[in-house]
Amino acid sequence: MKVIMLYHPVSEHARRVEEFAKDFERIHHHDIELISLETPEGANLAKVYDIVQYPGIVITQDDGAHMKQWEGDTLPLMTEVAAHIQ
């Protein structure tokens, strides 16, 4: 499973997103890939997964198949994200 967070690095939610990813890795031993929406890759992923509110979290299978997503200012609980990658 792959966990991706799409966000704007220069925004009011950037620090919270970066801390979430760091704490998630420390607690659950699984990386969250942070991708800037300012990059072509980030903009493309937002279109592919229809993310319109930021930050956005997408969980995919290794082949890219969509599993679960959250979007908007309220981040999910870390345990909620971890439950989908077990």
C-alpha atoms as a PDB file:
ATOM      1  CA  MET A   1       0.000   0.000   0.000  1.00  0.00           C
ATOM      2  CA  LYS A   2       1.070   3.536  -0.709  1.00  0.00           C
ATOM      3  CA  VAL A   3      -0.037   6.638   1.200  1.00  0.00           C
ATOM      4  CA  ILE A   4       0.208   9.996  -0.571  1.00  0.00           C
ATOM      5  CA  MET A   5      -0.539  13.443   0.852  1.00  0.00           C
ATOM      6  CA  LEU A   6      -1.168  16.217  -1.639  1.00  0.00           C
ATOM      7  CA  TYR A   7      -0.736  19.698  -0.199  1.00  0.00           C
ATOM      8  CA  HIS A   8       0.513  23.226  -0.790  1.00  0.00           C
ATOM      9  CA  PRO A   9       3.933  23.537   0.920  1.00  0.00           C
ATOM     10  CA  VAL A  10       3.515  27.285   1.365  1.00  0.00           C
ATOM     11  CA  SER A  11       0.187  27.411   3.176  1.00  0.00           C
ATOM     12  CA  GLU A  12      -1.372  27.476   6.613  1.00  0.00           C
ATOM     13  CA  HIS A  13      -1.730  23.691   6.656  1.00  0.00           C
ATOM     14  CA  ALA A  14       1.820  22.803   5.535  1.00  0.00           C
ATOM     15  CA  ARG A  15       3.333  22.394   8.984  1.00  0.00           C
ATOM     16  CA  ARG A  16       0.421  20.272  10.218  1.00  0.00           C
ATOM     17  CA  VAL A  17       0.677  18.007   7.140  1.00  0.00           C
ATOM     18  CA  GLU A  18       4.444  17.589   7.496  1.00  0.00           C
ATOM     19  CA  GLU A  19       4.133  16.812  11.233  1.00  0.00           C
ATOM     20  CA  PHE A  20       1.336  14.312  10.540  1.00  0.00           C
ATOM     21  CA  ALA A  21       3.530  12.482   8.003  1.00  0.00           C
ATOM     22  CA  LYS A  22       6.544  12.463  10.320  1.00  0.00           C
ATOM     23  CA  ASP A  23       4.533  11.257  13.331  1.00  0.00           C
ATOM     24  CA  PHE A  24       2.723   8.636  11.228  1.00  0.00           C
ATOM     25  CA  GLU A  25       6.023   7.167  10.087  1.00  0.00           C
ATOM     26  CA  ARG A  26       7.380   7.135  13.648  1.00  0.00           C
ATOM     27  CA  ILE A  27       4.256   5.523  15.152  1.00  0.00           C
ATOM     28  CA  HIS A  28       3.087   3.205  12.359  1.00  0.00           C
ATOM     29  CA  HIS A  29       6.405   2.539  10.569  1.00  0.00           C
ATOM     30  CA  HIS A  30       4.962   3.402   7.157  1.00  0.00           C
ATOM     31  CA  ASP A  31       5.977   6.307   4.948  1.00  0.00           C
ATOM     32  CA  ILE A  32       3.583   8.949   3.725  1.00  0.00           C
ATOM     33  CA  GLU A  33       4.755  10.449   0.456  1.00  0.00           C
ATOM     34  CA  LEU A  34       4.325  14.235   0.559  1.00  0.00           C
ATOM     35  CA  ILE A  35       3.649  15.685  -2.886  1.00  0.00           C
ATOM     36  CA  SER A  36       3.337  19.378  -3.603  1.00  0.00           C
ATOM     37  CA  LEU A  37       0.345  20.477  -5.626  1.00  0.00           C
ATOM     38  CA  GLU A  38       2.680  23.063  -7.145  1.00  0.00           C
ATOM     39  CA  THR A  39       4.418  20.321  -9.154  1.00  0.00           C
ATOM     40  CA  PRO A  40       3.131  18.722 -12.356  1.00  0.00           C
ATOM     41  CA  GLU A  41       3.021  15.338 -10.575  1.00  0.00           C
ATOM     42  CA  GLY A  42       0.935  16.749  -7.715  1.00  0.00           C
ATOM     43  CA  ALA A  43      -1.464  18.561 -10.037  1.00  0.00           C
ATOM     44  CA  ASN A  44      -1.872  15.408 -12.133  1.00  0.00           C
ATOM     45  CA  LEU A  45      -2.531  13.180  -9.088  1.00  0.00           C
ATOM     46  CA  ALA A  46      -5.150  15.639  -7.833  1.00  0.00           C
ATOM     47  CA  LYS A  47      -6.936  15.289 -11.175  1.00  0.00           C
ATOM     48  CA  VAL A  48      -6.587  11.503 -11.297  1.00  0.00           C
ATOM     49  CA  TYR A  49      -8.022  11.016  -7.797  1.00  0.00           C
ATOM     50  CA  ASP A  50     -10.456  13.976  -8.058  1.00  0.00           C
ATOM     51  CA  ILE A  51      -9.001  15.776  -5.027  1.00  0.00           C
ATOM     52  CA  VAL A  52     -10.478  19.283  -4.878  1.00  0.00           C
ATOM     53  CA  GLN A  53      -9.940  20.210  -1.212  1.00  0.00           C
ATOM     54  CA  TYR A  54      -6.537  20.294   0.390  1.00  0.00           C
ATOM     55  CA  PRO A  55      -4.726  18.678   1.977  1.00  0.00           C
ATOM     56  CA  GLY A  56      -5.691  15.375   0.433  1.00  0.00           C
ATOM     57  CA  ILE A  57      -4.651  11.888   1.489  1.00  0.00           C
ATOM     58  CA  VAL A  58      -4.863   8.989  -0.956  1.00  0.00           C
ATOM     59  CA  ILE A  59      -4.196   5.330  -0.214  1.00  0.00           C
ATOM     60  CA  THR A  60      -3.466   3.161  -3.224  1.00  0.00           C
ATOM     61  CA  GLN A  61      -2.429  -0.396  -3.819  1.00  0.00           C
ATOM     62  CA  ASP A  62       1.072  -0.886  -5.158  1.00  0.00           C
ATOM     63  CA  ASP A  63      -0.314  -0.984  -8.713  1.00  0.00           C
ATOM     64  CA  GLY A  64      -1.965   2.443  -8.239  1.00  0.00           C
ATOM     65  CA  ALA A  65      -5.525   1.195  -7.706  1.00  0.00           C
ATOM     66  CA  HIS A  66      -7.461   3.596  -5.489  1.00  0.00           C
ATOM     67  CA  MET A  67      -8.338   2.308  -2.008  1.00  0.00           C
ATOM     68  CA  LYS A  68      -9.381   5.265   0.178  1.00  0.00           C
ATOM     69  CA  GLN A  69      -9.052   9.027   0.320  1.00  0.00           C
ATOM     70  CA  TRP A  70      -9.692  11.970   2.607  1.00  0.00           C
ATOM     71  CA  GLU A  71      -9.648  15.614   1.679  1.00  0.00           C
ATOM     72  CA  GLY A  72     -10.092  18.955   3.325  1.00  0.00           C
ATOM     73  CA  ASP A  73      -8.767  20.814   6.315  1.00  0.00           C
ATOM     74  CA  THR A  74      -9.667  18.152   8.891  1.00  0.00           C
ATOM     75  CA  LEU A  75      -7.114  15.354   8.764  1.00  0.00           C
ATOM     76  CA  PRO A  76      -8.220  11.817   9.637  1.00  0.00           C
ATOM     77  CA  LEU A  77      -6.958  10.072  12.740  1.00  0.00           C
ATOM     78  CA  MET A  78      -3.657   8.284  12.209  1.00  0.00           C
ATOM     79  CA  THR A  79      -5.258   5.029  13.347  1.00  0.00           C
ATOM     80  CA  GLU A  80      -7.911   5.460  10.662  1.00  0.00           C
ATOM     81  CA  VAL A  81      -5.249   5.789   7.957  1.00  0.00           C
ATOM     82  CA  ALA A  82      -3.225   2.898   9.430  1.00  0.00           C
ATOM     83  CA  ALA A  83      -6.285   0.634   9.397  1.00  0.00           C
ATOM     84  CA  HIS A  84      -6.408   0.875   5.586  1.00  0.00           C
ATOM     85  CA  ILE A  85      -2.778  -0.108   5.053  1.00  0.00           C
ATOM     86  CA  GLN A  86      -2.716  -3.244   7.210  1.00  0.00           C
END
